Amino acid sequence: MEDADETAPTGRLSWPWRIVHWVIIVNLAIQVLYGAYMVFVVMRPEGVSGPLWAAANAVPHDLMMVRRAYASETWLAIVGLSLYLGVTEILPRRLGRR
């Protein structure tokens, strides 16, 4: 008698797990976009667009700390998304499981 796990295709998720998988990916992608928007559009000092460069010396301390917090949050989301995609998508394909 064969076990049910032996006949199941490898690398395929059931539909509830596929939904969870895509919710995680979309959530992290939205977090990356939101953080970048906050750093480069909302929390930008008057008269500066793009990187601060020399204008960083004139930015108030509170604004700089909020920008850094959003930037850190964005980098965390980028790292999380990269690791998640690497472990769930890229690694299984490299190992030939998909």
PDB file of N, CA and C in Angstrom:
ATOM      1  N   MET A   1       0.844  -1.178   0.000  1.00  0.00           N
ATOM      2  CA  MET A   1       0.000   0.000   0.000  1.00  0.00           C
ATOM      3  C   MET A   1       0.895   1.248   0.000  1.00  0.00           C
ATOM      4  N   GLU A   2       0.618   2.177  -0.896  1.00  0.00           N
ATOM      5  CA  GLU A   2       1.430   3.385  -1.010  1.00  0.00           C
ATOM      6  C   GLU A   2       0.941   4.448  -0.044  1.00  0.00           C
ATOM      7  N   ASP A   3       1.883   5.217   0.455  1.00  0.00           N
ATOM      8  CA  ASP A   3       1.545   6.340   1.326  1.00  0.00           C
ATOM      9  C   ASP A   3       1.058   7.499   0.460  1.00  0.00           C
ATOM     10  N   ALA A   4       0.119   8.299   0.978  1.00  0.00           N
ATOM     11  CA  ALA A   4      -0.442   9.412   0.209  1.00  0.00           C
ATOM     12  C   ALA A   4       0.607  10.466  -0.106  1.00  0.00           C
ATOM     13  N   ASP A   5       1.621  10.620   0.756  1.00  0.00           N
ATOM     14  CA  ASP A   5       2.661  11.618   0.518  1.00  0.00           C
ATOM     15  C   ASP A   5       3.555  11.245  -0.649  1.00  0.00           C
ATOM     16  N   GLU A   6       3.698   9.965  -0.941  1.00  0.00           N
ATOM     17  CA  GLU A   6       4.570   9.540  -2.030  1.00  0.00           C
ATOM     18  C   GLU A   6       3.979   9.841  -3.395  1.00  0.00           C
ATOM     19  N   THR A   7       2.662   9.893  -3.496  1.00  0.00           N
ATOM     20  CA  THR A   7       2.037  10.137  -4.793  1.00  0.00           C
ATOM     21  C   THR A   7       1.793  11.617  -5.060  1.00  0.00           C
ATOM     22  N   ALA A   8       1.898  12.453  -4.031  1.00  0.00           N
ATOM     23  CA  ALA A   8       1.671  13.888  -4.220  1.00  0.00           C
ATOM     24  C   ALA A   8       2.836  14.498  -4.992  1.00  0.00           C
ATOM     25  N   PRO A   9       2.556  15.409  -5.927  1.00  0.00           N
ATOM     26  CA  PRO A   9       3.650  16.048  -6.667  1.00  0.00           C
ATOM     27  C   PRO A   9       4.505  16.909  -5.739  1.00  0.00           C
ATOM     28  N   THR A  10       5.791  16.850  -5.950  1.00  0.00           N
ATOM     29  CA  THR A  10       6.693  17.645  -5.112  1.00  0.00           C
ATOM     30  C   THR A  10       6.701  19.086  -5.580  1.00  0.00           C
ATOM     31  N   GLY A  11       6.828  19.999  -4.622  1.00  0.00           N
ATOM     32  CA  GLY A  11       6.933  21.412  -4.961  1.00  0.00           C
ATOM     33  C   GLY A  11       5.613  22.122  -5.183  1.00  0.00           C
ATOM     34  N   ARG A  12       4.512  21.429  -5.061  1.00  0.00           N
ATOM     35  CA  ARG A  12       3.202  22.060  -5.263  1.00  0.00           C
ATOM     36  C   ARG A  12       2.559  22.327  -3.913  1.00  0.00           C
ATOM     37  N   LEU A  13       2.062  23.525  -3.741  1.00  0.00           N
ATOM     38  CA  LEU A  13       1.360  23.890  -2.517  1.00  0.00           C
ATOM     39  C   LEU A  13      -0.141  23.739  -2.734  1.00  0.00           C
ATOM     40  N   SER A  14      -0.846  23.397  -1.674  1.00  0.00           N
ATOM     41  CA  SER A  14      -2.298  23.387  -1.775  1.00  0.00           C
ATOM     42  C   SER A  14      -2.770  24.834  -1.885  1.00  0.00           C
ATOM     43  N   TRP A  15      -3.987  25.032  -2.352  1.00  0.00           N
ATOM     44  CA  TRP A  15      -4.444  26.402  -2.621  1.00  0.00           C
ATOM     45  C   TRP A  15      -4.467  27.290  -1.384  1.00  0.00           C
ATOM     46  N   PRO A  16      -4.807  26.807  -0.168  1.00  0.00           N
ATOM     47  CA  PRO A  16      -4.725  27.738   0.969  1.00  0.00           C
ATOM     48  C   PRO A  16      -3.292  28.218   1.237  1.00  0.00           C
ATOM     49  N   TRP A  17      -2.327  27.311   1.089  1.00  0.00           N
ATOM     50  CA  TRP A  17      -0.935  27.710   1.305  1.00  0.00           C
ATOM     51  C   TRP A  17      -0.433  28.601   0.187  1.00  0.00           C
ATOM     52  N   ARG A  18      -0.945  28.409  -1.012  1.00  0.00           N
ATOM     53  CA  ARG A  18      -0.578  29.291  -2.126  1.00  0.00           C
ATOM     54  C   ARG A  18      -1.084  30.713  -1.880  1.00  0.00           C
ATOM     55  N   ILE A  19      -2.285  30.827  -1.315  1.00  0.00           N
ATOM     56  CA  ILE A  19      -2.830  32.146  -0.977  1.00  0.00           C
ATOM     57  C   ILE A  19      -1.970  32.812   0.087  1.00  0.00           C
ATOM     58  N   VAL A  20      -1.609  32.057   1.127  1.00  0.00           N
ATOM     59  CA  VAL A  20      -0.737  32.601   2.185  1.00  0.00           C
ATOM     60  C   VAL A  20       0.596  33.027   1.594  1.00  0.00           C
ATOM     61  N   HIS A  21       1.152  32.218   0.709  1.00  0.00           N
ATOM     62  CA  HIS A  21       2.427  32.522   0.051  1.00  0.00           C
ATOM     63  C   HIS A  21       2.349  33.864  -0.681  1.00  0.00           C
ATOM     64  N   TRP A  22       1.297  34.072  -1.461  1.00  0.00           N
ATOM     65  CA  TRP A  22       1.169  35.304  -2.226  1.00  0.00           C
ATOM     66  C   TRP A  22       0.825  36.496  -1.341  1.00  0.00           C
ATOM     67  N   VAL A  23       0.105  36.271  -0.255  1.00  0.00           N
ATOM     68  CA  VAL A  23      -0.183  37.362   0.684  1.00  0.00           C
ATOM     69  C   VAL A  23       1.121  37.862   1.301  1.00  0.00           C
ATOM     70  N   ILE A  24       2.011  36.939   1.647  1.00  0.00           N
ATOM     71  CA  ILE A  24       3.311  37.329   2.218  1.00  0.00           C
ATOM     72  C   ILE A  24       4.112  38.137   1.204  1.00  0.00           C
ATOM     73  N   ILE A  25       4.165  37.677  -0.031  1.00  0.00           N
ATOM     74  CA  ILE A  25       4.934  38.377  -1.070  1.00  0.00           C
ATOM     75  C   ILE A  25       4.354  39.766  -1.331  1.00  0.00           C
ATOM     76  N   VAL A  26       3.044  39.854  -1.492  1.00  0.00           N
ATOM     77  CA  VAL A  26       2.408  41.156  -1.771  1.00  0.00           C
ATOM     78  C   VAL A  26       2.580  42.095  -0.585  1.00  0.00           C
ATOM     79  N   ASN A  27       2.427  41.581   0.629  1.00  0.00           N
ATOM     80  CA  ASN A  27       2.592  42.402   1.823  1.00  0.00           C
ATOM     81  C   ASN A  27       4.006  42.993   1.893  1.00  0.00           C
ATOM     82  N   LEU A  28       5.019  42.188   1.662  1.00  0.00           N
ATOM     83  CA  LEU A  28       6.394  42.692   1.711  1.00  0.00           C
ATOM     84  C   LEU A  28       6.669  43.682   0.583  1.00  0.00           C
ATOM     85  N   ALA A  29       6.130  43.416  -0.609  1.00  0.00           N
ATOM     86  CA  ALA A  29       6.329  44.340  -1.736  1.00  0.00           C
ATOM     87  C   ALA A  29       5.660  45.689  -1.455  1.00  0.00           C
ATOM     88  N   ILE A  30       4.462  45.665  -0.895  1.00  0.00           N
ATOM     89  CA  ILE A  30       3.779  46.909  -0.540  1.00  0.00           C
ATOM     90  C   ILE A  30       4.569  47.659   0.524  1.00  0.00           C
ATOM     91  N   GLN A  31       5.130  46.937   1.482  1.00  0.00           N
ATOM     92  CA  GLN A  31       5.925  47.577   2.532  1.00  0.00           C
ATOM     93  C   GLN A  31       7.159  48.262   1.949  1.00  0.00           C
ATOM     94  N   VAL A  32       7.802  47.639   0.972  1.00  0.00           N
ATOM     95  CA  VAL A  32       8.965  48.247   0.318  1.00  0.00           C
ATOM     96  C   VAL A  32       8.554  49.535  -0.397  1.00  0.00           C
ATOM     97  N   LEU A  33       7.475  49.481  -1.144  1.00  0.00           N
ATOM     98  CA  LEU A  33       7.009  50.665  -1.876  1.00  0.00           C
ATOM     99  C   LEU A  33       6.568  51.774  -0.925  1.00  0.00           C
ATOM    100  N   TYR A  34       5.873  51.409   0.143  1.00  0.00           N
ATOM    101  CA  TYR A  34       5.422  52.402   1.117  1.00  0.00           C
ATOM    102  C   TYR A  34       6.612  53.079   1.799  1.00  0.00           C
ATOM    103  N   GLY A  35       7.583  52.302   2.210  1.00  0.00           N
ATOM    104  CA  GLY A  35       8.758  52.878   2.875  1.00  0.00           C
ATOM    105  C   GLY A  35       9.536  53.803   1.956  1.00  0.00           C
ATOM    106  N   ALA A  36       9.711  53.397   0.706  1.00  0.00           N
ATOM    107  CA  ALA A  36      10.416  54.252  -0.246  1.00  0.00           C
ATOM    108  C   ALA A  36       9.639  55.548  -0.493  1.00  0.00           C
ATOM    109  N   TYR A  37       8.324  55.438  -0.577  1.00  0.00           N
ATOM    110  CA  TYR A  37       7.487  56.632  -0.759  1.00  0.00           C
ATOM    111  C   TYR A  37       7.628  57.579   0.432  1.00  0.00           C
ATOM    112  N   MET A  38       7.613  57.024   1.635  1.00  0.00           N
ATOM    113  CA  MET A  38       7.730  57.858   2.831  1.00  0.00           C
ATOM    114  C   MET A  38       9.091  58.551   2.898  1.00  0.00           C
ATOM    115  N   VAL A  39      10.158  57.849   2.557  1.00  0.00           N
ATOM    116  CA  VAL A  39      11.506  58.426   2.652  1.00  0.00           C
ATOM    117  C   VAL A  39      11.742  59.472   1.580  1.00  0.00           C
ATOM    118  N   PHE A  40      11.357  59.168   0.341  1.00  0.00           N
ATOM    119  CA  PHE A  40      11.728  60.047  -0.772  1.00  0.00           C
ATOM    120  C   PHE A  40      10.675  61.070  -1.163  1.00  0.00           C
ATOM    121  N   VAL A  41       9.434  60.919  -0.686  1.00  0.00           N
ATOM    122  CA  VAL A  41       8.393  61.866  -1.064  1.00  0.00           C
ATOM    123  C   VAL A  41       7.849  62.620   0.151  1.00  0.00           C
ATOM    124  N   VAL A  42       7.406  61.903   1.156  1.00  0.00           N
ATOM    125  CA  VAL A  42       6.732  62.536   2.293  1.00  0.00           C
ATOM    126  C   VAL A  42       7.721  63.183   3.252  1.00  0.00           C
ATOM    127  N   MET A  43       8.764  62.496   3.635  1.00  0.00           N
ATOM    128  CA  MET A  43       9.711  62.984   4.639  1.00  0.00           C
ATOM    129  C   MET A  43      10.902  63.720   4.031  1.00  0.00           C
ATOM    130  N   ARG A  44      10.673  64.403   2.943  1.00  0.00           N
ATOM    131  CA  ARG A  44      11.781  65.111   2.306  1.00  0.00           C
ATOM    132  C   ARG A  44      11.753  66.566   2.754  1.00  0.00           C
ATOM    133  N   PRO A  45      12.920  67.138   3.021  1.00  0.00           N
ATOM    134  CA  PRO A  45      12.964  68.545   3.429  1.00  0.00           C
ATOM    135  C   PRO A  45      12.583  69.474   2.272  1.00  0.00           C
ATOM    136  N   GLU A  46      12.188  70.663   2.614  1.00  0.00           N
ATOM    137  CA  GLU A  46      11.797  71.660   1.609  1.00  0.00           C
ATOM    138  C   GLU A  46      12.941  71.932   0.637  1.00  0.00           C
ATOM    139  N   GLY A  47      12.635  71.936  -0.644  1.00  0.00           N
ATOM    140  CA  GLY A  47      13.599  72.305  -1.663  1.00  0.00           C
ATOM    141  C   GLY A  47      14.591  71.218  -2.033  1.00  0.00           C
ATOM    142  N   VAL A  48      14.422  70.008  -1.528  1.00  0.00           N
ATOM    143  CA  VAL A  48      15.354  68.911  -1.834  1.00  0.00           C
ATOM    144  C   VAL A  48      14.574  67.783  -2.477  1.00  0.00           C
ATOM    145  N   SER A  49      15.089  67.289  -3.592  1.00  0.00           N
ATOM    146  CA  SER A  49      14.502  66.097  -4.198  1.00  0.00           C
ATOM    147  C   SER A  49      15.618  65.086  -4.420  1.00  0.00           C
ATOM    148  N   GLY A  50      15.321  63.835  -4.147  1.00  0.00           N
ATOM    149  CA  GLY A  50      16.334  62.793  -4.281  1.00  0.00           C
ATOM    150  C   GLY A  50      17.198  62.694  -3.040  1.00  0.00           C
ATOM    151  N   PRO A  51      18.449  62.267  -3.204  1.00  0.00           N
ATOM    152  CA  PRO A  51      19.350  62.134  -2.056  1.00  0.00           C
ATOM    153  C   PRO A  51      19.632  63.487  -1.405  1.00  0.00           C
ATOM    154  N   LEU A  52      19.917  63.469  -0.123  1.00  0.00           N
ATOM    155  CA  LEU A  52      20.129  64.720   0.605  1.00  0.00           C
ATOM    156  C   LEU A  52      21.486  65.349   0.319  1.00  0.00           C
ATOM    157  N   TRP A  53      22.520  64.538   0.166  1.00  0.00           N
ATOM    158  CA  TRP A  53      23.899  65.000  -0.013  1.00  0.00           C
ATOM    159  C   TRP A  53      24.265  66.055   1.029  1.00  0.00           C
ATOM    160  N   ALA A  54      24.651  67.244   0.609  1.00  0.00           N
ATOM    161  CA  ALA A  54      25.094  68.287   1.540  1.00  0.00           C
ATOM    162  C   ALA A  54      23.929  68.896   2.332  1.00  0.00           C
ATOM    163  N   ALA A  55      22.706  68.748   1.829  1.00  0.00           N
ATOM    164  CA  ALA A  55      21.542  69.285   2.538  1.00  0.00           C
ATOM    165  C   ALA A  55      21.265  68.528   3.834  1.00  0.00           C
ATOM    166  N   ALA A  56      21.920  67.386   4.034  1.00  0.00           N
ATOM    167  CA  ALA A  56      21.719  66.610   5.263  1.00  0.00           C
ATOM    168  C   ALA A  56      22.151  67.389   6.496  1.00  0.00           C
ATOM    169  N   ASN A  57      23.086  68.307   6.337  1.00  0.00           N
ATOM    170  CA  ASN A  57      23.534  69.116   7.477  1.00  0.00           C
ATOM    171  C   ASN A  57      22.472  70.102   7.943  1.00  0.00           C
ATOM    172  N   ALA A  58      21.567  70.503   7.057  1.00  0.00           N
ATOM    173  CA  ALA A  58      20.551  71.501   7.398  1.00  0.00           C
ATOM    174  C   ALA A  58      19.211  70.875   7.810  1.00  0.00           C
ATOM    175  N   VAL A  59      19.105  69.541   7.745  1.00  0.00           N
ATOM    176  CA  VAL A  59      17.848  68.875   8.080  1.00  0.00           C
ATOM    177  C   VAL A  59      17.693  68.816   9.598  1.00  0.00           C
ATOM    178  N   PRO A  60      16.525  69.162  10.112  1.00  0.00           N
ATOM    179  CA  PRO A  60      16.305  69.053  11.554  1.00  0.00           C
ATOM    180  C   PRO A  60      16.481  67.614  12.045  1.00  0.00           C
ATOM    181  N   HIS A  61      16.958  67.494  13.258  1.00  0.00           N
ATOM    182  CA  HIS A  61      17.275  66.183  13.833  1.00  0.00           C
ATOM    183  C   HIS A  61      16.055  65.253  13.838  1.00  0.00           C
ATOM    184  N   ASP A  62      14.896  65.768  14.230  1.00  0.00           N
ATOM    185  CA  ASP A  62      13.692  64.936  14.297  1.00  0.00           C
ATOM    186  C   ASP A  62      13.317  64.375  12.921  1.00  0.00           C
ATOM    187  N   LEU A  63      13.376  65.210  11.896  1.00  0.00           N
ATOM    188  CA  LEU A  63      13.062  64.756  10.540  1.00  0.00           C
ATOM    189  C   LEU A  63      14.055  63.689  10.081  1.00  0.00           C
ATOM    190  N   MET A  64      15.332  63.896  10.393  1.00  0.00           N
ATOM    191  CA  MET A  64      16.351  62.922   9.997  1.00  0.00           C
ATOM    192  C   MET A  64      16.117  61.576  10.687  1.00  0.00           C
ATOM    193  N   MET A  65      15.736  61.599  11.959  1.00  0.00           N
ATOM    194  CA  MET A  65      15.500  60.350  12.683  1.00  0.00           C
ATOM    195  C   MET A  65      14.282  59.605  12.135  1.00  0.00           C
ATOM    196  N   VAL A  66      13.248  60.342  11.756  1.00  0.00           N
ATOM    197  CA  VAL A  66      12.060  59.705  11.179  1.00  0.00           C
ATOM    198  C   VAL A  66      12.401  59.108   9.813  1.00  0.00           C
ATOM    199  N   ARG A  67      13.156  59.849   9.017  1.00  0.00           N
ATOM    200  CA  ARG A  67      13.595  59.314   7.714  1.00  0.00           C
ATOM    201  C   ARG A  67      14.415  58.051   7.880  1.00  0.00           C
ATOM    202  N   ARG A  68      15.319  58.058   8.847  1.00  0.00           N
ATOM    203  CA  ARG A  68      16.142  56.868   9.089  1.00  0.00           C
ATOM    204  C   ARG A  68      15.312  55.687   9.558  1.00  0.00           C
ATOM    205  N   ALA A  69      14.292  55.951  10.366  1.00  0.00           N
ATOM    206  CA  ALA A  69      13.422  54.865  10.821  1.00  0.00           C
ATOM    207  C   ALA A  69      12.670  54.250   9.634  1.00  0.00           C
ATOM    208  N   TYR A  70      12.132  55.094   8.756  1.00  0.00           N
ATOM    209  CA  TYR A  70      11.455  54.580   7.563  1.00  0.00           C
ATOM    210  C   TYR A  70      12.429  53.862   6.638  1.00  0.00           C
ATOM    211  N   ALA A  71      13.639  54.389   6.502  1.00  0.00           N
ATOM    212  CA  ALA A  71      14.639  53.738   5.655  1.00  0.00           C
ATOM    213  C   ALA A  71      15.011  52.365   6.213  1.00  0.00           C
ATOM    214  N   SER A  72      15.164  52.274   7.524  1.00  0.00           N
ATOM    215  CA  SER A  72      15.474  50.981   8.146  1.00  0.00           C
ATOM    216  C   SER A  72      14.337  49.994   7.946  1.00  0.00           C
ATOM    217  N   GLU A  73      13.120  50.477   8.097  1.00  0.00           N
ATOM    218  CA  GLU A  73      11.948  49.625   7.885  1.00  0.00           C
ATOM    219  C   GLU A  73      11.901  49.138   6.433  1.00  0.00           C
ATOM    220  N   THR A  74      12.243  50.016   5.506  1.00  0.00           N
ATOM    221  CA  THR A  74      12.249  49.644   4.093  1.00  0.00           C
ATOM    222  C   THR A  74      13.314  48.599   3.809  1.00  0.00           C
ATOM    223  N   TRP A  75      14.511  48.786   4.349  1.00  0.00           N
ATOM    224  CA  TRP A  75      15.576  47.808   4.137  1.00  0.00           C
ATOM    225  C   TRP A  75      15.227  46.462   4.743  1.00  0.00           C
ATOM    226  N   LEU A  76      14.558  46.471   5.894  1.00  0.00           N
ATOM    227  CA  LEU A  76      14.126  45.222   6.507  1.00  0.00           C
ATOM    228  C   LEU A  76      13.130  44.497   5.601  1.00  0.00           C
ATOM    229  N   ALA A  77      12.205  45.237   5.006  1.00  0.00           N
ATOM    230  CA  ALA A  77      11.238  44.630   4.095  1.00  0.00           C
ATOM    231  C   ALA A  77      11.928  44.101   2.838  1.00  0.00           C
ATOM    232  N   ILE A  78      12.928  44.814   2.333  1.00  0.00           N
ATOM    233  CA  ILE A  78      13.673  44.349   1.158  1.00  0.00           C
ATOM    234  C   ILE A  78      14.405  43.058   1.471  1.00  0.00           C
ATOM    235  N   VAL A  79      15.051  43.020   2.621  1.00  0.00           N
ATOM    236  CA  VAL A  79      15.779  41.806   3.026  1.00  0.00           C
ATOM    237  C   VAL A  79      14.805  40.655   3.236  1.00  0.00           C
ATOM    238  N   GLY A  80      13.677  40.936   3.911  1.00  0.00           N
ATOM    239  CA  GLY A  80      12.680  39.891   4.134  1.00  0.00           C
ATOM    240  C   GLY A  80      12.134  39.330   2.839  1.00  0.00           C
ATOM    241  N   LEU A  81      11.807  40.211   1.907  1.00  0.00           N
ATOM    242  CA  LEU A  81      11.292  39.764   0.612  1.00  0.00           C
ATOM    243  C   LEU A  81      12.338  38.969  -0.150  1.00  0.00           C
ATOM    244  N   SER A  82      13.568  39.430  -0.134  1.00  0.00           N
ATOM    245  CA  SER A  82      14.644  38.719  -0.826  1.00  0.00           C
ATOM    246  C   SER A  82      14.867  37.329  -0.242  1.00  0.00           C
ATOM    247  N   LEU A  83      14.929  37.245   1.071  1.00  0.00           N
ATOM    248  CA  LEU A  83      15.125  35.941   1.718  1.00  0.00           C
ATOM    249  C   LEU A  83      13.937  35.019   1.466  1.00  0.00           C
ATOM    250  N   TYR A  84      12.730  35.539   1.595  1.00  0.00           N
ATOM    251  CA  TYR A  84      11.548  34.714   1.381  1.00  0.00           C
ATOM    252  C   TYR A  84      11.498  34.174  -0.044  1.00  0.00           C
ATOM    253  N   LEU A  85      11.734  35.046  -1.018  1.00  0.00           N
ATOM    254  CA  LEU A  85      11.734  34.588  -2.412  1.00  0.00           C
ATOM    255  C   LEU A  85      12.882  33.625  -2.684  1.00  0.00           C
ATOM    256  N   GLY A  86      14.019  33.883  -2.061  1.00  0.00           N
ATOM    257  CA  GLY A  86      15.155  32.981  -2.245  1.00  0.00           C
ATOM    258  C   GLY A  86      14.879  31.591  -1.719  1.00  0.00           C
ATOM    259  N   VAL A  87      14.270  31.502  -0.554  1.00  0.00           N
ATOM    260  CA  VAL A  87      14.021  30.203   0.067  1.00  0.00           C
ATOM    261  C   VAL A  87      12.833  29.485  -0.564  1.00  0.00           C
ATOM    262  N   THR A  88      11.790  30.220  -0.958  1.00  0.00           N
ATOM    263  CA  THR A  88      10.578  29.570  -1.449  1.00  0.00           C
ATOM    264  C   THR A  88      10.511  29.442  -2.974  1.00  0.00           C
ATOM    265  N   GLU A  89      11.223  30.284  -3.698  1.00  0.00           N
ATOM    266  CA  GLU A  89      11.125  30.259  -5.156  1.00  0.00           C
ATOM    267  C   GLU A  89      12.436  29.868  -5.845  1.00  0.00           C
ATOM    268  N   ILE A  90      13.499  30.548  -5.504  1.00  0.00           N
ATOM    269  CA  ILE A  90      14.756  30.350  -6.230  1.00  0.00           C
ATOM    270  C   ILE A  90      15.463  29.056  -5.820  1.00  0.00           C
ATOM    271  N   LEU A  91      15.605  28.825  -4.524  1.00  0.00           N
ATOM    272  CA  LEU A  91      16.299  27.627  -4.048  1.00  0.00           C
ATOM    273  C   LEU A  91      15.645  26.332  -4.525  1.00  0.00           C
ATOM    274  N   PRO A  92      14.311  26.187  -4.420  1.00  0.00           N
ATOM    275  CA  PRO A  92      13.717  24.952  -4.930  1.00  0.00           C
ATOM    276  C   PRO A  92      13.931  24.742  -6.423  1.00  0.00           C
ATOM    277  N   ARG A  93      13.948  25.814  -7.194  1.00  0.00           N
ATOM    278  CA  ARG A  93      14.196  25.659  -8.640  1.00  0.00           C
ATOM    279  C   ARG A  93      15.637  25.271  -8.911  1.00  0.00           C
ATOM    280  N   ARG A  94      16.564  25.817  -8.135  1.00  0.00           N
ATOM    281  CA  ARG A  94      17.975  25.453  -8.311  1.00  0.00           C
ATOM    282  C   ARG A  94      18.230  23.996  -7.922  1.00  0.00           C
ATOM    283  N   LEU A  95      17.474  23.519  -6.938  1.00  0.00           N
ATOM    284  CA  LEU A  95      17.637  22.131  -6.493  1.00  0.00           C
ATOM    285  C   LEU A  95      16.824  21.154  -7.318  1.00  0.00           C
ATOM    286  N   GLY A  96      16.060  21.667  -8.264  1.00  0.00           N
ATOM    287  CA  GLY A  96      15.287  20.820  -9.168  1.00  0.00           C
ATOM    288  C   GLY A  96      14.023  20.258  -8.552  1.00  0.00           C
ATOM    289  N   ARG A  97      13.460  20.936  -7.570  1.00  0.00           N
ATOM    290  CA  ARG A  97      12.244  20.440  -6.929  1.00  0.00           C
ATOM    291  C   ARG A  97      10.984  21.024  -7.548  1.00  0.00           C
ATOM    292  N   ARG A  98      11.131  21.894  -8.528  1.00  0.00           N
ATOM    293  CA  ARG A  98       9.952  22.470  -9.180  1.00  0.00           C
ATOM    294  C   ARG A  98      10.033  22.266 -10.651  1.00  0.00           C
TER     295      ARG A  98
END
